[in-house]
């Protein structure tokens, strides 16, 4: 017997992607429209046939009534008030013999005239229109009296005449349907396929895309499909941006980590060949600085990769005072270690933002101020926030090494450092991260020299306050 654990294992791996459930939109629309068209056409034919049948019967009934009244008028003028002694029989044989028959009666019950082949018994018993059976045929009958109720005409028409005409009308309608329905079906299928060609054009445009060169597609499509194309273009742009961001991250990491890693390796080699305790300690400190620089660079690279301009942001109402206090508390050890004299002038300022992004922004500015602090004078960092002209703002001022005017246009570029000395562990990414976060909130950032001779001021203005 097979082991149970072995038997439970799948014999083959499942495919990475399941088969897409699909159907032919052309076939479905064609079938639906053809069924609907056929049903409506059949219903229309039925209504047309019923209407034509009713109209034809009304015309025949009116003609029958007019014929009866014409016979009544002719008989009255012929008799001139007299009643014949014997029943007169129509002697003329014609093509109307099997179509229309009649009887003319006197008010006292005497038969005056009758058609050939008609019995001497009354054709009808009731007045106006009716039905009779005679010689195995069905007749449509009608009776009419004169104004004095003396002479009555009873007339009947073979119903088969009307049926033959109605059959001819029905046959004509069927022939018309047999000719035009296939043409209508062909037009429906042709129109559906031509209008769905926009979907095929979208598919062809997407098939031409390459993962290395994703770009928006611009096919000519109906307005109903326009939101689909717009969503696809947005998705393509986001994917392309994500790929480019990943490439930038990989390229930046590979390029920028090469230098600190090489320095760490060099210091490790020095550590191996150290000839004194002083050289050993110095090499160890250099390795620790290299590790710190590489760690900070990796953290900043990851931060840049995580900041997505098009990502959906869930913003909440935040007071800048609380963000500054929490960031300062988190970095208290660094301030103490660098012997920073921290000054706070905080006024409540509410904005809609994400707290972690604001903390990242402030932390990078403060870390920048610590890294580029003065080594010859007591370092001071002053943080101010509040509302200015209806806009929340935060301002960080330090008395560090500062920045030259010609460097300000480049200071927000990635990996640009205002001081390239080996003692500085900055990676040139801090202010780039700050600028990207400020842009996320459509804010403004300014860098200028303070009133004093040394240092730098960074002022960030956000959009309207809450």
Foldseek 3Di string as FASTA:
>chain_A
DDDPVVVPDDPDDDDPDDDDDDDDPLVVQLVVVLVVVVVVLVVVLVVVLVVVLVVVVVVVLVVQVVVQVVVVVVVCVVCVPPADPDADEDPDDDPCLQFKWKWKAFLVGHTHYTYPPDDPDDQDDDAAWDWGADPNFIWIWHKDADPVRTMMMIMIGTCVVSVVVSVVVSVVSVVVCVPCSVVVSVVSSVVSVVQCVQVVVVVVVVVPDDLQDQAQDDTDHDPVCVVVSVVVRVVSVQSNVLVVLVVVLVVCLVVLLVVLVVQLVVLVVQCVVPPDPVSNVVSVVSNVLSVVLNVVVNVLSVLSSPDDLPDDFDWDKDWVVVLVVVLCVVCVVLCVVLQEAEAEAEDTFIATDDSVLVSLLVNLVVVVCSLQAAPPDRKYWYWYWDADPQWTKIKIWIQGQAADPVCVVVLLPAQDDRDPDPSRSDRSRSSVSNVSSLVSQVKDWDKDHDPDPGTIMIMIIGPGTD
